[in-house]
């Protein structure tokens, strides 16, 4: 496993594995990650933005709120 974390760890109430993953992602200057969401189990997803890793003048904007099921191919869900 590339990032050495399981889905169960991502969804756990113990955030230590997620915090270690976040440290590794920041060290690699990764700015955005799509991952499982503990707030929407079992297969909900969320987007994590590491703002300190964004490049100068980077930006993102939420244009409208829609279900991820509407936006993403089923193979990605």
N, C-alpha and C. Protein backbone atom coordinates (compact mmCIF):
# COMPACT_ATOMS: atom_id res chain seq x y z
N UNK A 1 0.84 -1.18 0.00
CA UNK A 1 0.00 0.00 0.00
C UNK A 1 0.89 1.25 0.00
N UNK A 2 0.70 2.10 -0.98
CA UNK A 2 1.57 3.26 -1.16
C UNK A 2 1.60 4.20 0.04
N UNK A 3 0.46 4.48 0.62
CA UNK A 3 0.42 5.46 1.71
C UNK A 3 0.31 4.82 3.09
N UNK A 4 0.33 3.50 3.15
CA UNK A 4 0.35 2.76 4.41
C UNK A 4 -0.79 3.14 5.34
N UNK A 5 -2.00 3.17 4.79
CA UNK A 5 -3.20 3.42 5.59
C UNK A 5 -4.35 2.64 4.96
N UNK A 6 -5.22 2.12 5.81
CA UNK A 6 -6.36 1.34 5.32
C UNK A 6 -7.63 2.19 5.35
N UNK A 7 -8.64 1.72 4.66
CA UNK A 7 -9.94 2.40 4.68
C UNK A 7 -10.47 2.46 6.12
N UNK A 8 -10.31 1.36 6.86
CA UNK A 8 -10.78 1.35 8.25
C UNK A 8 -10.08 2.43 9.09
N UNK A 9 -8.80 2.63 8.86
CA UNK A 9 -8.07 3.68 9.59
C UNK A 9 -8.57 5.07 9.19
N UNK A 10 -8.89 5.25 7.91
CA UNK A 10 -9.40 6.54 7.45
C UNK A 10 -10.75 6.87 8.08
N UNK A 11 -11.53 5.83 8.37
CA UNK A 11 -12.87 6.03 8.91
C UNK A 11 -12.92 5.91 10.43
N UNK A 12 -11.79 5.65 11.06
CA UNK A 12 -11.73 5.44 12.50
C UNK A 12 -11.91 6.74 13.29
N UNK A 13 -12.42 6.59 14.51
CA UNK A 13 -12.51 7.74 15.41
C UNK A 13 -11.13 8.13 15.95
N UNK A 14 -10.18 7.22 15.85
CA UNK A 14 -8.79 7.50 16.23
C UNK A 14 -8.13 8.16 15.02
N UNK A 15 -7.80 9.42 15.12
CA UNK A 15 -7.30 10.20 13.97
C UNK A 15 -5.79 10.11 13.78
N UNK A 16 -5.10 9.33 14.59
CA UNK A 16 -3.63 9.31 14.52
C UNK A 16 -3.11 8.84 13.16
N UNK A 17 -3.72 7.83 12.56
CA UNK A 17 -3.26 7.35 11.25
C UNK A 17 -3.49 8.42 10.18
N UNK A 18 -4.61 9.10 10.25
CA UNK A 18 -4.90 10.19 9.29
C UNK A 18 -3.93 11.34 9.46
N UNK A 19 -3.59 11.65 10.70
CA UNK A 19 -2.64 12.73 10.96
C UNK A 19 -1.25 12.39 10.43
N UNK A 20 -0.86 11.13 10.59
CA UNK A 20 0.45 10.71 10.04
C UNK A 20 0.43 10.79 8.51
N UNK A 21 -0.67 10.38 7.90
CA UNK A 21 -0.80 10.47 6.45
C UNK A 21 -0.73 11.93 6.00
N UNK A 22 -1.42 12.81 6.71
CA UNK A 22 -1.40 14.24 6.36
C UNK A 22 0.02 14.79 6.41
N UNK A 23 0.80 14.38 7.39
CA UNK A 23 2.20 14.83 7.47
C UNK A 23 2.99 14.36 6.25
N UNK A 24 2.79 13.10 5.84
CA UNK A 24 3.51 12.58 4.67
C UNK A 24 3.09 13.31 3.40
N UNK A 25 1.79 13.60 3.26
CA UNK A 25 1.30 14.31 2.07
C UNK A 25 1.85 15.72 2.01
N UNK A 26 1.89 16.39 3.16
CA UNK A 26 2.45 17.75 3.19
C UNK A 26 3.93 17.76 2.82
N UNK A 27 4.67 16.77 3.31
CA UNK A 27 6.10 16.70 2.98
C UNK A 27 6.32 16.53 1.49
N UNK A 28 5.39 15.85 0.82
CA UNK A 28 5.49 15.66 -0.63
C UNK A 28 4.84 16.80 -1.40
N UNK A 29 4.38 17.83 -0.66
CA UNK A 29 3.77 19.03 -1.27
C UNK A 29 2.51 18.71 -2.07
N UNK A 30 1.78 17.69 -1.64
CA UNK A 30 0.50 17.35 -2.27
C UNK A 30 -0.55 18.30 -1.70
N UNK A 31 -1.29 18.96 -2.58
CA UNK A 31 -2.20 20.01 -2.11
C UNK A 31 -3.65 19.56 -1.96
N UNK A 32 -4.07 18.53 -2.68
CA UNK A 32 -5.47 18.09 -2.63
C UNK A 32 -5.52 16.56 -2.68
N UNK A 33 -6.39 15.99 -1.84
CA UNK A 33 -6.57 14.54 -1.79
C UNK A 33 -8.05 14.23 -1.71
N UNK A 34 -8.49 13.28 -2.49
CA UNK A 34 -9.87 12.78 -2.39
C UNK A 34 -9.79 11.49 -1.59
N UNK A 35 -10.58 11.37 -0.53
CA UNK A 35 -10.49 10.22 0.35
C UNK A 35 -11.86 9.85 0.90
N UNK A 36 -11.91 8.78 1.67
CA UNK A 36 -13.16 8.37 2.33
C UNK A 36 -13.54 9.39 3.39
N UNK A 37 -14.83 9.51 3.66
CA UNK A 37 -15.33 10.45 4.65
C UNK A 37 -15.96 9.70 5.83
N UNK A 38 -15.44 9.93 7.02
CA UNK A 38 -16.01 9.33 8.22
C UNK A 38 -17.41 9.90 8.49
N UNK A 39 -17.70 11.07 7.96
CA UNK A 39 -19.00 11.70 8.16
C UNK A 39 -20.09 11.10 7.28
N UNK A 40 -19.69 10.30 6.29
CA UNK A 40 -20.66 9.75 5.34
C UNK A 40 -20.32 8.29 5.03
N UNK A 41 -20.29 7.41 6.06
CA UNK A 41 -19.94 6.01 5.84
C UNK A 41 -21.06 5.28 5.11
N UNK A 42 -20.82 4.16 4.45
CA UNK A 42 -19.53 3.49 4.42
C UNK A 42 -18.64 3.93 3.26
N UNK A 43 -19.25 4.51 2.23
CA UNK A 43 -18.44 4.82 1.04
C UNK A 43 -18.47 6.28 0.64
N UNK A 44 -18.83 7.16 1.55
CA UNK A 44 -18.81 8.59 1.25
C UNK A 44 -17.39 9.07 1.00
N UNK A 45 -17.27 10.15 0.28
CA UNK A 45 -15.96 10.70 -0.04
C UNK A 45 -15.89 12.17 0.37
N UNK A 46 -14.68 12.66 0.52
CA UNK A 46 -14.45 14.06 0.83
C UNK A 46 -13.19 14.52 0.12
N UNK A 47 -13.07 15.82 -0.01
CA UNK A 47 -11.87 16.42 -0.59
C UNK A 47 -11.14 17.14 0.54
N UNK A 48 -9.85 16.84 0.70
CA UNK A 48 -9.01 17.50 1.71
C UNK A 48 -8.07 18.43 0.96
N UNK A 49 -8.05 19.70 1.37
CA UNK A 49 -7.16 20.69 0.75
C UNK A 49 -6.13 21.12 1.79
N UNK A 50 -4.86 20.94 1.45
CA UNK A 50 -3.76 21.41 2.29
C UNK A 50 -3.36 22.78 1.75
N UNK A 51 -3.98 23.81 2.30
CA UNK A 51 -3.81 25.15 1.74
C UNK A 51 -2.35 25.61 1.74
N UNK A 52 -1.57 25.16 2.73
CA UNK A 52 -0.17 25.56 2.79
C UNK A 52 0.65 24.96 1.64
N UNK A 53 0.10 23.97 0.94
CA UNK A 53 0.81 23.35 -0.18
C UNK A 53 0.36 23.90 -1.54
N UNK A 54 -0.65 24.74 -1.53
CA UNK A 54 -1.11 25.32 -2.80
C UNK A 54 -0.06 26.28 -3.34
N UNK A 55 0.05 26.32 -4.64
CA UNK A 55 0.99 27.25 -5.26
C UNK A 55 0.45 28.66 -5.18
N UNK A 56 1.36 29.62 -5.28
CA UNK A 56 0.99 31.03 -5.23
C UNK A 56 -0.11 31.33 -6.24
N UNK A 57 -1.11 32.02 -5.80
CA UNK A 57 -2.26 32.41 -6.61
C UNK A 57 -3.16 31.25 -7.01
N UNK A 58 -2.96 30.07 -6.41
CA UNK A 58 -3.88 28.96 -6.65
C UNK A 58 -5.24 29.33 -6.06
N UNK A 59 -6.26 28.79 -6.65
CA UNK A 59 -7.58 29.05 -6.12
C UNK A 59 -8.52 27.92 -6.49
N UNK A 60 -9.58 27.82 -5.74
CA UNK A 60 -10.65 26.91 -6.11
C UNK A 60 -11.96 27.56 -5.73
N UNK A 61 -13.00 27.19 -6.43
CA UNK A 61 -14.30 27.80 -6.21
C UNK A 61 -15.36 26.72 -6.33
N UNK A 62 -16.29 26.73 -5.41
CA UNK A 62 -17.42 25.82 -5.48
C UNK A 62 -18.53 26.57 -6.22
N UNK A 63 -18.84 26.07 -7.41
CA UNK A 63 -19.82 26.75 -8.24
C UNK A 63 -21.24 26.36 -7.88
N UNK A 64 -21.44 25.10 -7.55
CA UNK A 64 -22.76 24.66 -7.13
C UNK A 64 -22.62 23.37 -6.34
N UNK A 65 -23.56 23.14 -5.49
CA UNK A 65 -23.53 21.95 -4.65
C UNK A 65 -24.33 20.84 -5.33
N UNK A 66 -23.63 19.76 -5.69
CA UNK A 66 -24.30 18.60 -6.29
C UNK A 66 -23.71 17.34 -5.67
N UNK A 67 -24.42 16.28 -5.78
CA UNK A 67 -23.97 14.99 -5.27
C UNK A 67 -22.78 14.50 -6.07
N UNK A 68 -21.80 13.91 -5.36
CA UNK A 68 -20.66 13.33 -6.06
C UNK A 68 -21.10 12.24 -7.02
N UNK A 69 -22.19 11.57 -6.71
CA UNK A 69 -22.70 10.52 -7.60
C UNK A 69 -23.04 11.11 -8.97
N UNK A 70 -23.49 12.36 -9.00
CA UNK A 70 -23.80 13.02 -10.25
C UNK A 70 -22.55 13.44 -11.01
N UNK A 71 -21.46 13.73 -10.28
CA UNK A 71 -20.27 14.28 -10.91
C UNK A 71 -19.27 13.23 -11.39
N UNK A 72 -19.15 12.15 -10.65
CA UNK A 72 -18.05 11.22 -10.89
C UNK A 72 -18.52 9.91 -11.49
N UNK A 73 -17.71 9.33 -12.39
CA UNK A 73 -18.05 8.01 -12.93
C UNK A 73 -18.13 6.99 -11.79
N UNK A 74 -18.99 6.02 -11.93
CA UNK A 74 -19.19 5.03 -10.88
C UNK A 74 -17.90 4.29 -10.54
N UNK A 75 -16.97 4.17 -11.46
CA UNK A 75 -15.70 3.49 -11.20
C UNK A 75 -14.87 4.22 -10.15
N UNK A 76 -15.10 5.52 -9.98
CA UNK A 76 -14.35 6.31 -9.01
C UNK A 76 -15.00 6.35 -7.64
N UNK A 77 -16.26 5.92 -7.55
CA UNK A 77 -16.99 5.99 -6.28
C UNK A 77 -16.78 4.75 -5.45
